[in-house]
């Protein structure tokens, strides 16, 4: 009868341990990848940063960049 109790515990551990390991690996990865990335949430980026990104991507030319930068300052 004692063996049956250990088998039940073993089955529980068989499922819990991999789940805990997966969560343990996923949480540090989430925080590590999120620290250097620009957030895409509305209002989280500054207008000048958005303007600089648009200029870097070639969406606007130099004159438009300088004009809008002046407007933001």
Protein backbone atom coordinates (compact mmCIF):
# COMPACT_ATOMS: atom_id res chain seq x y z
CA UNK A 1 0.00 0.00 0.00
CA UNK A 2 2.93 2.40 0.65
CA UNK A 3 4.15 1.98 -2.92
CA UNK A 4 0.89 3.33 -4.30
CA UNK A 5 1.34 6.61 -2.40
CA UNK A 6 4.83 7.10 -3.82
CA UNK A 7 3.54 6.41 -7.34
CA UNK A 8 0.94 9.15 -6.97
CA UNK A 9 3.57 11.57 -5.70
CA UNK A 10 5.84 10.58 -8.55
CA UNK A 11 3.15 11.30 -11.11
CA UNK A 12 2.49 14.71 -9.61
CA UNK A 13 6.20 15.55 -9.67
CA UNK A 14 6.43 14.23 -13.24
CA UNK A 15 4.09 17.05 -14.34
CA UNK A 16 4.92 19.81 -11.86
CA UNK A 17 8.71 19.82 -12.22
CA UNK A 18 8.77 20.43 -16.02
CA UNK A 19 6.15 23.17 -15.70
CA UNK A 20 8.14 24.91 -12.95
CA UNK A 21 11.33 24.62 -14.99
CA UNK A 22 9.63 26.11 -18.04
CA UNK A 23 8.29 29.03 -16.01
CA UNK A 24 11.67 29.48 -14.36
CA UNK A 25 13.38 29.77 -17.73
CA UNK A 26 10.69 31.95 -19.32
CA UNK A 27 10.58 34.68 -16.67
CA UNK A 28 14.27 35.71 -16.86
CA UNK A 29 14.10 35.66 -20.66
CA UNK A 30 11.09 37.96 -20.64
CA UNK A 31 12.79 40.51 -18.42
CA UNK A 32 16.08 40.28 -20.32
CA UNK A 33 14.52 40.81 -23.73
CA UNK A 34 12.22 43.54 -22.52
CA UNK A 35 14.95 45.71 -21.02
CA UNK A 36 16.58 46.77 -24.28
CA UNK A 37 13.53 46.96 -26.46
CA UNK A 38 11.37 49.95 -27.20
CA UNK A 39 7.87 49.56 -25.85
CA UNK A 40 5.05 49.68 -28.38
CA UNK A 41 2.45 50.83 -25.87
CA UNK A 42 0.83 54.15 -26.79
CA UNK A 43 2.35 57.06 -24.92
CA UNK A 44 5.43 55.17 -23.81
CA UNK A 45 7.77 56.69 -26.41
CA UNK A 46 8.73 60.32 -26.66
CA UNK A 47 7.81 62.21 -29.84
CA UNK A 48 11.46 62.97 -30.60
CA UNK A 49 12.30 59.24 -30.45
CA UNK A 50 9.52 58.48 -32.92
CA UNK A 51 10.75 61.26 -35.20
CA UNK A 52 14.31 59.93 -35.06
CA UNK A 53 13.12 56.43 -35.91
CA UNK A 54 11.12 57.68 -38.88
CA UNK A 55 14.16 59.58 -40.16
CA UNK A 56 16.40 56.54 -39.67
CA UNK A 57 13.96 54.36 -41.62
CA UNK A 58 13.90 56.89 -44.45
CA UNK A 59 10.23 57.77 -44.07
CA UNK A 60 11.04 61.49 -43.91
CA UNK A 61 13.88 63.51 -45.40
CA UNK A 62 16.43 65.68 -43.59
CA UNK A 63 14.56 68.95 -44.06
CA UNK A 64 11.32 67.52 -42.69
CA UNK A 65 13.21 65.95 -39.78
CA UNK A 66 14.87 69.24 -38.85
CA UNK A 67 11.63 71.18 -39.21
CA UNK A 68 9.68 68.81 -37.02
CA UNK A 69 12.51 68.58 -34.50
CA UNK A 70 12.44 72.38 -34.23
CA UNK A 71 8.67 72.27 -33.69
CA UNK A 72 9.07 69.74 -30.88
CA UNK A 73 11.78 71.75 -29.10
